[in-house]
C-alpha atoms as a PDB file:
ATOM      1  CA  MET A   1      32.763 -37.398  40.435  1.00  0.00           C
ATOM      2  CA  ILE A   2      32.650 -33.629  40.124  1.00  0.00           C
ATOM      3  CA  ILE A   3      29.524 -31.475  39.893  1.00  0.00           C
ATOM      4  CA  ARG A   4      29.335 -27.769  39.102  1.00  0.00           C
ATOM      5  CA  LYS A   5      26.910 -25.025  40.148  1.00  0.00           C
ATOM      6  CA  LEU A   6      26.987 -21.666  38.360  1.00  0.00           C
ATOM      7  CA  PHE A   7      26.163 -18.347  40.030  1.00  0.00           C
ATOM      8  CA  LYS A   8      26.280 -14.801  38.647  1.00  0.00           C
ATOM      9  CA  PHE A   9      26.764 -11.333  40.070  1.00  0.00           C
ATOM     10  CA  GLU A  10      27.508  -7.765  38.995  1.00  0.00           C
ATOM     11  CA  ASN A  11      30.293  -6.018  40.894  1.00  0.00           C
ATOM     12  CA  ALA A  12      32.485  -2.922  40.787  1.00  0.00           C
ATOM     13  CA  HIS A  13      36.108  -2.707  41.863  1.00  0.00           C
ATOM     14  CA  ILE A  14      39.531  -1.191  41.349  1.00  0.00           C
ATOM     15  CA  VAL A  15      42.540  -3.514  41.181  1.00  0.00           C
ATOM     16  CA  ARG A  16      45.406  -1.398  42.486  1.00  0.00           C
ATOM     17  CA  GLY A  17      48.893  -2.312  41.321  1.00  0.00           C
ATOM     18  CA  CYS A  18      47.857  -4.219  38.212  1.00  0.00           C
ATOM     19  CA  SER A  19      49.499  -3.576  34.822  1.00  0.00           C
ATOM     20  CA  THR A  20      46.420  -2.162  33.092  1.00  0.00           C
ATOM     21  CA  VAL A  21      46.156   1.558  33.817  1.00  0.00           C
ATOM     22  CA  LYS A  22      42.341   1.669  33.400  1.00  0.00           C
ATOM     23  CA  CYS A  23      41.854  -1.160  35.871  1.00  0.00           C
ATOM     24  CA  ARG A  24      44.185   0.167  38.542  1.00  0.00           C
ATOM     25  CA  SER A  25      43.046   3.787  38.417  1.00  0.00           C
ATOM     26  CA  SER A  26      39.289   3.768  37.708  1.00  0.00           C
ATOM     27  CA  ILE A  27      36.366   2.075  39.337  1.00  0.00           C
ATOM     28  CA  HIS A  28      34.752  -0.299  36.850  1.00  0.00           C
ATOM     29  CA  GLY A  29      32.502  -3.304  36.853  1.00  0.00           C
ATOM     30  CA  HIS A  30      32.134  -6.819  35.532  1.00  0.00           C
ATOM     31  CA  SER A  31      29.399  -9.388  35.046  1.00  0.00           C
ATOM     32  CA  TYR A  32      30.965 -12.224  37.011  1.00  0.00           C
ATOM     33  CA  LYS A  33      30.157 -15.898  36.647  1.00  0.00           C
ATOM     34  CA  VAL A  34      31.183 -18.119  39.546  1.00  0.00           C
ATOM     35  CA  GLU A  35      31.447 -21.892  39.282  1.00  0.00           C
ATOM     36  CA  LEU A  36      31.497 -23.961  42.459  1.00  0.00           C
ATOM     37  CA  LEU A  37      32.842 -27.463  41.781  1.00  0.00           C
ATOM     38  CA  PHE A  38      32.152 -30.179  44.345  1.00  0.00           C
ATOM     39  CA  ALA A  39      33.580 -33.694  44.390  1.00  0.00           C
ATOM     40  CA  SER A  40      32.829 -36.983  46.100  1.00  0.00           C
ATOM     41  CA  ASN A  41      33.430 -40.665  45.535  1.00  0.00           C
ATOM     42  CA  PHE A  42      29.882 -41.337  46.777  1.00  0.00           C
ATOM     43  CA  LEU A  43      26.337 -40.516  45.718  1.00  0.00           C
ATOM     44  CA  ASP A  44      23.527 -39.614  48.120  1.00  0.00           C
ATOM     45  CA  ASN A  45      20.086 -41.229  48.442  1.00  0.00           C
ATOM     46  CA  GLY A  46      18.990 -39.401  45.269  1.00  0.00           C
ATOM     47  CA  GLN A  47      22.053 -40.698  43.368  1.00  0.00           C
ATOM     48  CA  MET A  48      23.636 -37.225  43.438  1.00  0.00           C
ATOM     49  CA  VAL A  49      26.922 -35.906  44.800  1.00  0.00           C
ATOM     50  CA  TYR A  50      25.051 -32.953  46.384  1.00  0.00           C
ATOM     51  CA  ASP A  51      21.574 -31.733  45.462  1.00  0.00           C
ATOM     52  CA  PHE A  52      21.769 -28.499  43.463  1.00  0.00           C
ATOM     53  CA  GLY A  53      18.670 -27.293  45.326  1.00  0.00           C
ATOM     54  CA  LEU A  54      20.663 -27.241  48.570  1.00  0.00           C
ATOM     55  CA  MET A  55      23.123 -24.816  46.976  1.00  0.00           C
ATOM     56  CA  LYS A  56      20.325 -22.273  46.512  1.00  0.00           C
ATOM     57  CA  GLN A  57      20.298 -21.706  50.255  1.00  0.00           C
ATOM     58  CA  ASN A  58      23.258 -20.229  52.139  1.00  0.00           C
ATOM     59  CA  MET A  59      25.830 -20.846  49.404  1.00  0.00           C
ATOM     60  CA  LYS A  60      23.858 -18.671  47.021  1.00  0.00           C
ATOM     61  CA  ASP A  61      23.599 -15.891  49.603  1.00  0.00           C
ATOM     62  CA  LEU A  62      27.372 -15.918  50.156  1.00  0.00           C
ATOM     63  CA  VAL A  63      28.240 -15.740  46.466  1.00  0.00           C
ATOM     64  CA  GLU A  64      25.547 -13.211  45.662  1.00  0.00           C
ATOM     65  CA  SER A  65      26.639 -10.964  48.538  1.00  0.00           C
ATOM     66  CA  PHE A  66      28.925  -9.375  45.934  1.00  0.00           C
ATOM     67  CA  ASP A  67      26.025  -8.603  43.572  1.00  0.00           C
ATOM     68  CA  HIS A  68      25.466  -4.908  42.832  1.00  0.00           C
ATOM     69  CA  ALA A  69      28.148  -4.086  45.368  1.00  0.00           C
ATOM     70  CA  VAL A  70      31.539  -2.450  45.296  1.00  0.00           C
ATOM     71  CA  ALA A  71      34.420  -4.690  46.392  1.00  0.00           C
ATOM     72  CA  LEU A  72      36.969  -2.796  48.465  1.00  0.00           C
ATOM     73  CA  TRP A  73      40.494  -3.704  49.491  1.00  0.00           C
ATOM     74  CA  ARG A  74      40.979  -2.691  53.119  1.00  0.00           C
ATOM     75  CA  ASP A  75      44.542  -1.513  52.315  1.00  0.00           C
ATOM     76  CA  ASP A  76      43.400   0.851  49.562  1.00  0.00           C
ATOM     77  CA  ASP A  77      43.484   4.612  50.118  1.00  0.00           C
ATOM     78  CA  PRO A  78      41.444   5.214  53.328  1.00  0.00           C
ATOM     79  CA  GLU A  79      39.652   8.193  51.801  1.00  0.00           C
ATOM     80  CA  PHE A  80      38.558   6.105  48.796  1.00  0.00           C
ATOM     81  CA  VAL A  81      37.321   3.255  51.033  1.00  0.00           C
ATOM     82  CA  ARG A  82      35.445   5.707  53.259  1.00  0.00           C
ATOM     83  CA  ASP A  83      33.822   7.465  50.275  1.00  0.00           C
ATOM     84  CA  MET A  84      32.758   4.211  48.634  1.00  0.00           C
ATOM     85  CA  LYS A  85      31.140   3.071  51.888  1.00  0.00           C
ATOM     86  CA  LYS A  86      29.470   6.461  52.242  1.00  0.00           C
ATOM     87  CA  HIS A  87      27.975   6.457  48.750  1.00  0.00           C
ATOM     88  CA  SER A  88      27.112   2.780  48.264  1.00  0.00           C
ATOM     89  CA  ALA A  89      24.635   0.785  50.340  1.00  0.00           C
ATOM     90  CA  ARG A  90      26.161  -2.491  49.152  1.00  0.00           C
ATOM     91  CA  TRP A  91      29.888  -3.003  49.674  1.00  0.00           C
ATOM     92  CA  VAL A  92      32.253  -5.750  50.765  1.00  0.00           C
ATOM     93  CA  GLU A  93      35.615  -4.964  52.355  1.00  0.00           C
ATOM     94  CA  LEU A  94      38.257  -7.634  51.765  1.00  0.00           C
ATOM     95  CA  PRO A  95      41.697  -8.285  53.277  1.00  0.00           C
ATOM     96  CA  VAL A  96      42.988  -8.771  49.706  1.00  0.00           C
ATOM     97  CA  SER A  97      42.651  -6.813  46.472  1.00  0.00           C
ATOM     98  CA  PRO A  98      39.430  -7.670  44.566  1.00  0.00           C
ATOM     99  CA  SER A  99      41.031  -9.321  41.530  1.00  0.00           C
ATOM    100  CA  ALA A 100      39.412 -12.388  39.958  1.00  0.00           C
ATOM    101  CA  GLU A 101      42.136 -14.467  41.603  1.00  0.00           C
ATOM    102  CA  GLN A 102      41.358 -13.112  45.041  1.00  0.00           C
ATOM    103  CA  PHE A 103      37.589 -13.327  44.512  1.00  0.00           C
ATOM    104  CA  SER A 104      38.035 -17.039  43.782  1.00  0.00           C
ATOM    105  CA  ARG A 105      40.065 -17.465  46.978  1.00  0.00           C
ATOM    106  CA  VAL A 106      37.629 -15.468  49.150  1.00  0.00           C
ATOM    107  CA  ILE A 107      34.632 -17.387  47.831  1.00  0.00           C
ATOM    108  CA  PHE A 108      36.478 -20.686  48.265  1.00  0.00           C
ATOM    109  CA  VAL A 109      37.257 -19.933  51.927  1.00  0.00           C
ATOM    110  CA  MET A 110      33.651 -18.925  52.668  1.00  0.00           C
ATOM    111  CA  ILE A 111      32.021 -21.887  50.900  1.00  0.00           C
ATOM    112  CA  GLU A 112      34.544 -24.389  52.259  1.00  0.00           C
ATOM    113  CA  ARG A 113      33.842 -23.199  55.806  1.00  0.00           C
ATOM    114  CA  LEU A 114      30.067 -23.325  55.298  1.00  0.00           C
ATOM    115  CA  LEU A 115      30.272 -26.842  53.833  1.00  0.00           C
ATOM    116  CA  SER A 116      32.415 -28.044  56.753  1.00  0.00           C
ATOM    117  CA  LEU A 117      29.771 -26.744  59.197  1.00  0.00           C
ATOM    118  CA  THR A 118      26.820 -28.294  57.352  1.00  0.00           C
ATOM    119  CA  SER A 119      25.133 -31.498  58.495  1.00  0.00           C
ATOM    120  CA  THR A 120      23.331 -33.362  55.740  1.00  0.00           C
ATOM    121  CA  GLN A 121      20.219 -35.542  55.857  1.00  0.00           C
ATOM    122  CA  ASN A 122      20.149 -37.373  52.544  1.00  0.00           C
ATOM    123  CA  GLY A 123      23.142 -39.705  52.608  1.00  0.00           C
ATOM    124  CA  GLU A 124      25.761 -37.281  51.277  1.00  0.00           C
ATOM    125  CA  LYS A 125      29.300 -38.500  52.029  1.00  0.00           C
ATOM    126  CA  GLU A 126      32.722 -36.909  51.850  1.00  0.00           C
ATOM    127  CA  VAL A 127      31.553 -33.980  49.717  1.00  0.00           C
ATOM    128  CA  ARG A 128      34.356 -31.461  49.295  1.00  0.00           C
ATOM    129  CA  LEU A 129      34.777 -28.189  47.479  1.00  0.00           C
ATOM    130  CA  GLU A 130      37.101 -29.086  44.611  1.00  0.00           C
ATOM    131  CA  SER A 131      37.591 -25.607  43.165  1.00  0.00           C
ATOM    132  CA  VAL A 132      36.045 -22.207  42.562  1.00  0.00           C
ATOM    133  CA  ILE A 133      36.227 -20.573  39.138  1.00  0.00           C
ATOM    134  CA  VAL A 134      35.549 -16.848  38.820  1.00  0.00           C
ATOM    135  CA  HIS A 135      34.954 -15.611  35.277  1.00  0.00           C
ATOM    136  CA  GLU A 136      35.646 -11.887  35.208  1.00  0.00           C
ATOM    137  CA  THR A 137      35.117 -11.610  31.457  1.00  0.00           C
ATOM    138  CA  ALA A 138      33.987 -13.927  28.670  1.00  0.00           C
ATOM    139  CA  THR A 139      37.633 -14.801  27.986  1.00  0.00           C
ATOM    140  CA  GLY A 140      39.346 -14.612  31.378  1.00  0.00           C
ATOM    141  CA  TYR A 141      38.904 -16.508  34.628  1.00  0.00           C
ATOM    142  CA  ALA A 142      40.749 -17.536  37.783  1.00  0.00           C
ATOM    143  CA  GLN A 143      40.468 -20.995  39.323  1.00  0.00           C
ATOM    144  CA  CYS A 144      41.202 -21.623  42.994  1.00  0.00           C
ATOM    145  CA  PHE A 145      41.988 -24.985  44.599  1.00  0.00           C
ATOM    146  CA  VAL A 146      42.325 -25.687  48.314  1.00  0.00           C
ATOM    147  CA  GLN A 147      46.094 -25.060  48.341  1.00  0.00           C
ATOM    148  CA  ASP A 148      45.519 -21.670  46.693  1.00  0.00           C
ATOM    149  CA  ALA A 149      42.756 -20.689  49.115  1.00  0.00           C
ATOM    150  CA  HIS A 150      45.078 -21.170  52.085  1.00  0.00           C
ATOM    151  CA  SER A 151      48.324 -19.979  50.504  1.00  0.00           C
ATOM    152  CA  LYS A 152      50.144 -17.438  52.647  1.00  0.00           C
ATOM    153  CA  ASN A 153      52.154 -16.516  49.530  1.00  0.00           C
ATOM    154  CA  MET A 154      48.932 -15.138  47.987  1.00  0.00           C
ATOM    155  CA  GLY A 155      47.817 -13.304  51.129  1.00  0.00           C
ATOM    156  CA  GLU A 156      46.058 -14.830  54.087  1.00  0.00           C
ATOM    157  CA  ILE A 157      42.268 -14.705  54.046  1.00  0.00           C
ATOM    158  CA  LYS A 158      40.601 -14.751  57.449  1.00  0.00           C
ATOM    159  CA  LEU A 159      36.815 -14.765  57.579  1.00  0.00           C
ATOM    160  CA  GLU A 160      36.960 -12.271  60.450  1.00  0.00           C
ATOM    161  CA  GLU A 161      38.577  -9.755  58.083  1.00  0.00           C
ATOM    162  CA  ILE A 162      35.777  -9.864  55.506  1.00  0.00           C
ATOM    163  CA  VAL A 163      33.225  -7.139  56.198  1.00  0.00           C
ATOM    164  CA  PHE A 164      29.808  -6.945  54.553  1.00  0.00           C
ATOM    165  CA  SER A 165      27.799  -3.728  54.556  1.00  0.00           C
ATOM    166  CA  PRO A 166      24.591  -3.679  56.625  1.00  0.00           C
ATOM    167  CA  GLN A 167      22.563  -3.783  53.394  1.00  0.00           C
ATOM    168  CA  VAL A 168      24.334  -6.952  52.198  1.00  0.00           C
ATOM    169  CA  LEU A 169      23.710  -8.620  55.569  1.00  0.00           C
ATOM    170  CA  GLU A 170      20.077  -7.531  55.480  1.00  0.00           C
ATOM    171  CA  ASP A 171      19.630  -9.283  52.125  1.00  0.00           C
ATOM    172  CA  PHE A 172      20.736 -12.681  53.487  1.00  0.00           C
ATOM    173  CA  LYS A 173      17.810 -15.049  54.126  1.00  0.00           C
ATOM    174  CA  ASP A 174      19.450 -15.690  57.505  1.00  0.00           C
ATOM    175  CA  LYS A 175      20.584 -12.239  58.662  1.00  0.00           C
ATOM    176  CA  ASP A 176      23.163 -13.824  61.007  1.00  0.00           C
ATOM    177  CA  LEU A 177      24.550 -16.232  58.389  1.00  0.00           C
ATOM    178  CA  PHE A 178      28.062 -14.836  58.225  1.00  0.00           C
ATOM    179  CA  GLU A 179      28.368 -14.381  61.996  1.00  0.00           C
ATOM    180  CA  LYS A 180      27.273 -18.001  62.490  1.00  0.00           C
ATOM    181  CA  ILE A 181      29.895 -19.150  59.975  1.00  0.00           C
ATOM    182  CA  LYS A 182      32.615 -17.151  61.746  1.00  0.00           C
ATOM    183  CA  ARG A 183      31.531 -18.592  65.124  1.00  0.00           C
ATOM    184  CA  GLY A 184      31.586 -22.131  63.718  1.00  0.00           C
ATOM    185  CA  GLU A 185      27.899 -22.875  64.294  1.00  0.00           C
ATOM    186  CA  THR A 186      26.446 -25.989  62.706  1.00  0.00           C
ATOM    187  CA  PHE A 187      23.990 -25.753  59.810  1.00  0.00           C
ATOM    188  CA  LEU A 188      21.450 -28.473  59.057  1.00  0.00           C
ATOM    189  CA  ASN A 189      20.450 -28.951  55.435  1.00  0.00           C
ATOM    190  CA  PRO A 190      16.679 -29.211  55.072  1.00  0.00           C
ATOM    191  CA  ALA A 191      15.299 -32.701  54.469  1.00  0.00           C
ATOM    192  CA  SER A 192      13.656 -31.365  51.317  1.00  0.00           C
ATOM    193  CA  VAL A 193      13.910 -28.186  49.243  1.00  0.00           C
END
């Protein structure tokens, strides 16, 4: 069975090297919708794959870290990256260009890692992240599966190379969330939400 949780965020970016001149040469924004799809062959004690309420914790913080932020590609022009960081309190620097395709891969890698580090308390079994869909517009989206998330052909994504601005980190419920994920610390889902 597959379940889906929808998140939303507003974000600005430039996608260097793309075909559309406006998109590759001017900062612009989108109202993104992100679907996290989870699968399992089992149901928990509440007859659910994974309680949606649990997704409002750390998963929500990770996805919404991009909200009202500028997404920066670390290999973009250094002066541009520096200026964006200087003039925006909320930014995320990525090891890949911030296209919808790469957003779906980055989010997949972060959520997959968090899920693998999470201990559950309500009988959840073999829950896996099936895919991440990032809707950049009402008519266009990118969907990432596990083989895409870890594809070297699409550019390697290492958690250590994702950098959140101090303001983004400050907005996490757990200020050390991302550092804990990178260190591989275990998370315990609450018994009730």
